[in-house]
Amino acid sequence: MVVRTLAGLVAGVVQTLVRDVTMIACERHDFIDAIADEAGCDVLIAEHNVLTAAIQKAREDHILILQAGALIDADVLDEAREEIESGLAHRSLIMRARPHNFITRLYPDWCRAVGILAHRRNLLACVGKDERLSALMRHVPHRATFASHLRIMR
């Protein structure tokens, strides 16, 4: 799952939309280290305040956080670029999985949240309360939903 998620970010790196990537793993494994080394990204081991550390370590003010298995495509990257260029500092965007049944097609906001694109300031304002990504997505200020939906690898 991790490799496919990272592969989707390659186009963002080429377009200079993605400057650095940090993976958060539950525990250190040789295969995770090998993937990170090949992809040129850092690995943080999940411990207290690891999400805060990753956000503070980022080189850019606009930060994209994704769950492993979320597949980025050109539409998502284009929308992210437009949002950043239009002043993302004032809102945070929740990325959701593609609708997968009748109900989620009627109510796309009921699709599972799988990522967030936000300004560092907005993320740091609420990340200390709960280090889980799902909690961060619920508490981040000025939420809106991405128009594009992400495919999820199962």
Protein backbone atom coordinates (compact mmCIF):
# COMPACT_ATOMS: atom_id res chain seq x y z
CA MET A 1 0.00 0.00 0.00
CA VAL A 2 2.76 2.41 0.93
CA VAL A 3 4.54 2.04 -2.41
CA ARG A 4 1.37 2.80 -4.41
CA THR A 5 0.64 5.87 -2.26
CA LEU A 6 4.21 7.14 -2.72
CA ALA A 7 4.09 6.41 -6.46
CA GLY A 8 1.11 8.73 -6.80
CA LEU A 9 3.18 11.55 -5.33
CA VAL A 10 5.86 11.33 -8.05
CA ALA A 11 3.92 13.62 -10.41
CA GLY A 12 3.60 16.12 -7.57
CA VAL A 13 7.36 16.06 -7.07
CA VAL A 14 7.93 16.66 -10.79
CA GLN A 15 5.51 19.62 -10.70
CA THR A 16 7.31 20.94 -7.56
CA LEU A 17 4.04 20.65 -5.67
CA VAL A 18 5.52 18.04 -3.30
CA ARG A 19 8.84 19.02 -1.71
CA ASP A 20 9.33 16.34 0.93
CA VAL A 21 7.60 13.24 2.28
CA THR A 22 7.67 11.79 5.78
CA MET A 23 6.26 8.33 6.46
CA ILE A 24 4.95 7.42 9.89
CA ALA A 25 5.26 3.73 10.72
CA CYS A 26 4.06 1.78 13.76
CA GLU A 27 7.46 0.20 14.21
CA ARG A 28 10.73 0.04 12.31
CA HIS A 29 11.01 -2.67 9.64
CA ASP A 30 13.73 -3.22 7.06
CA PHE A 31 11.22 -3.12 4.19
CA ILE A 32 9.84 0.28 5.37
CA ASP A 33 13.38 1.65 5.60
CA ALA A 34 14.15 0.31 2.11
CA ILE A 35 11.01 1.91 0.64
CA ALA A 36 11.75 5.23 2.33
CA ASP A 37 15.38 5.15 1.19
CA GLU A 38 14.37 4.41 -2.41
CA ALA A 39 11.69 7.11 -2.39
CA GLY A 40 13.96 9.66 -0.72
CA CYS A 41 11.69 10.26 2.25
CA ASP A 42 12.07 10.16 6.01
CA VAL A 43 10.50 7.66 8.39
CA LEU A 44 9.22 8.52 11.86
CA ILE A 45 8.21 5.75 14.24
CA ALA A 46 4.78 6.25 15.80
CA GLU A 47 5.18 7.45 19.34
CA HIS A 48 3.89 10.30 21.44
CA ASN A 49 3.57 13.52 19.36
CA VAL A 50 4.90 11.93 16.15
CA LEU A 51 2.32 13.75 14.00
CA THR A 52 3.29 17.06 15.58
CA ALA A 53 6.96 16.30 14.89
CA ALA A 54 6.21 15.47 11.24
CA ILE A 55 4.25 18.70 10.76
CA GLN A 56 6.96 20.82 12.37
CA LYS A 57 9.66 19.08 10.29
CA ALA A 58 7.99 19.82 6.94
CA ARG A 59 9.80 22.33 4.70
CA GLU A 60 6.64 23.94 3.33
CA ASP A 61 3.73 25.64 5.09
CA HIS A 62 1.11 23.70 3.07
CA ILE A 63 1.02 20.12 4.29
CA LEU A 64 -0.66 17.06 2.81
CA ILE A 65 -1.31 14.15 5.18
CA LEU A 66 -2.52 10.86 3.67
CA GLN A 67 -3.36 7.44 5.00
CA ALA A 68 -1.44 4.59 3.40
CA GLY A 69 -3.45 3.16 0.54
CA ALA A 70 -4.81 6.51 -0.70
CA LEU A 71 -4.01 6.77 -4.40
CA ILE A 72 -3.25 10.25 -5.73
CA ASP A 73 -4.05 11.03 -9.36
CA ALA A 74 -3.59 14.07 -11.63
CA ASP A 75 -7.02 15.54 -10.75
CA VAL A 76 -6.17 15.59 -7.05
CA LEU A 77 -2.77 17.18 -7.70
CA ASP A 78 -4.33 19.83 -9.96
CA GLU A 79 -6.95 20.67 -7.36
CA ALA A 80 -4.29 20.84 -4.63
CA ARG A 81 -2.21 23.26 -6.73
CA GLU A 82 -5.25 25.48 -7.39
CA GLU A 83 -6.15 25.56 -3.70
CA ILE A 84 -2.62 26.44 -2.63
CA GLU A 85 -2.35 29.18 -5.24
CA SER A 86 -5.71 30.65 -4.19
CA GLY A 87 -4.69 31.02 -0.56
CA LEU A 88 -5.10 27.81 1.41
CA ALA A 89 -3.95 29.56 4.61
CA HIS A 90 -7.56 30.34 5.51
CA ARG A 91 -9.07 26.86 5.20
CA SER A 92 -8.31 23.17 5.43
CA LEU A 93 -9.39 20.60 2.86
CA ILE A 94 -10.47 17.08 3.77
CA MET A 95 -9.82 14.40 1.14
CA ARG A 96 -12.36 11.61 0.98
CA ALA A 97 -12.46 8.18 -0.60
CA ARG A 98 -14.50 7.76 -3.76
CA PRO A 99 -18.17 6.89 -3.20
CA HIS A 100 -18.54 3.11 -3.06
CA ASN A 101 -22.28 2.52 -2.64
CA PHE A 102 -25.68 4.13 -3.24
CA ILE A 103 -25.69 6.12 0.02
CA THR A 104 -22.20 7.55 -0.42
CA ARG A 105 -23.06 8.51 -4.00
CA LEU A 106 -26.02 10.50 -2.65
CA TYR A 107 -24.02 11.93 0.27
CA PRO A 108 -20.34 12.11 -0.76
CA ASP A 109 -19.40 13.78 2.53
CA TRP A 110 -20.21 10.45 4.20
CA CYS A 111 -17.26 8.84 2.41
CA ARG A 112 -14.33 7.98 4.66
CA ALA A 113 -11.81 10.79 5.17
CA VAL A 114 -8.38 9.61 4.00
CA GLY A 115 -6.32 12.78 3.89
CA ILE A 116 -6.05 16.46 4.65
CA LEU A 117 -4.39 19.42 2.93
CA ALA A 118 -3.93 22.36 5.26
CA HIS A 119 -1.63 25.16 6.35
CA ARG A 120 0.87 24.23 9.05
CA ARG A 121 -0.68 26.79 11.45
CA ASN A 122 -4.13 25.17 11.21
CA LEU A 123 -2.73 21.69 11.79
CA LEU A 124 -0.56 22.65 14.75
CA ALA A 125 -3.51 24.46 16.35
CA CYS A 126 -5.37 21.18 16.84
CA VAL A 127 -2.90 18.30 16.55
CA GLY A 128 -1.82 18.38 20.19
CA LYS A 129 -5.33 17.39 21.33
CA ASP A 130 -5.23 13.96 19.70
CA GLU A 131 -2.47 12.46 17.56
CA ARG A 132 -4.79 10.29 15.46
CA LEU A 133 -5.30 11.41 11.86
CA SER A 134 -9.06 10.87 12.11
CA ALA A 135 -9.23 13.21 15.12
CA LEU A 136 -7.10 15.80 13.35
CA MET A 137 -9.50 15.79 10.40
CA ARG A 138 -12.46 16.36 12.73
CA HIS A 139 -10.86 19.19 14.71
CA VAL A 140 -8.97 21.16 12.07
CA PRO A 141 -10.45 24.66 11.63
CA HIS A 142 -12.20 25.99 8.50
CA ARG A 143 -12.88 22.57 6.96
CA ALA A 144 -14.03 22.10 3.40
CA THR A 145 -14.07 18.96 1.25
CA PHE A 146 -11.91 18.37 -1.81
CA ALA A 147 -13.99 18.11 -4.98
CA SER A 148 -11.85 15.20 -6.20
CA HIS A 149 -12.18 11.86 -4.44
CA LEU A 150 -9.28 9.47 -3.93
CA ARG A 151 -9.19 5.83 -4.89
CA ILE A 152 -8.32 3.54 -2.00
CA MET A 153 -6.24 0.42 -2.45
CA ARG A 154 -7.79 -2.52 -0.61
